[in-house]
């Protein structure tokens, strides 16, 4: 049994891939780099086993791939969603190189699952797909909300537990005004 690593918290999400062969090629790259969670959104049928031919040994990864009919469902259990694009359009904000993005994401992987989205081979991710990507750097949050500290919930903490703790802390700070 292999040890849990930060790489286990990274999912590669292929959105509406056009050819099964590309799914196999991605699986092979994932296996070679230590990534193990492949998610497919509305993949094409693979009647001729093209994916397996190009997977070259990454068959277990292909067999374990999760398949969803929508991007929303595919990334529902991820805390970070990272879109990829080759286009530098006016509407595409907060673009970073893969190396710079990794510097931001790696420290968060101990307590968060990240999904890296790749669009189809022809058009890439749509603007609607990219709208699902929310920039969550410290600077972005402080600039837009004024929030300077965040708490990442433990697996056994719910939002109601966190809300109760926040209310208790505020109560302790007093003074209180009745209504």
Foldseek 3Di string as FASTA:
>chain_A
DDDDDLLALEEEEEEAADDLLVLLQVLLVCVVVVHQEYEYANYDDDPPCNSVVSVVPSVVSVVRYHYHPDPCVRCVQFPAEAEDDPDDDPPDPPDDDPVVVCVQCSVVSVQTRYYYYWYYPPHIDDVVRVVVGDDDGQVVCCVVPVDNDDDRDDPPDDVVNVVVVVVVVVPVVDDDDDD
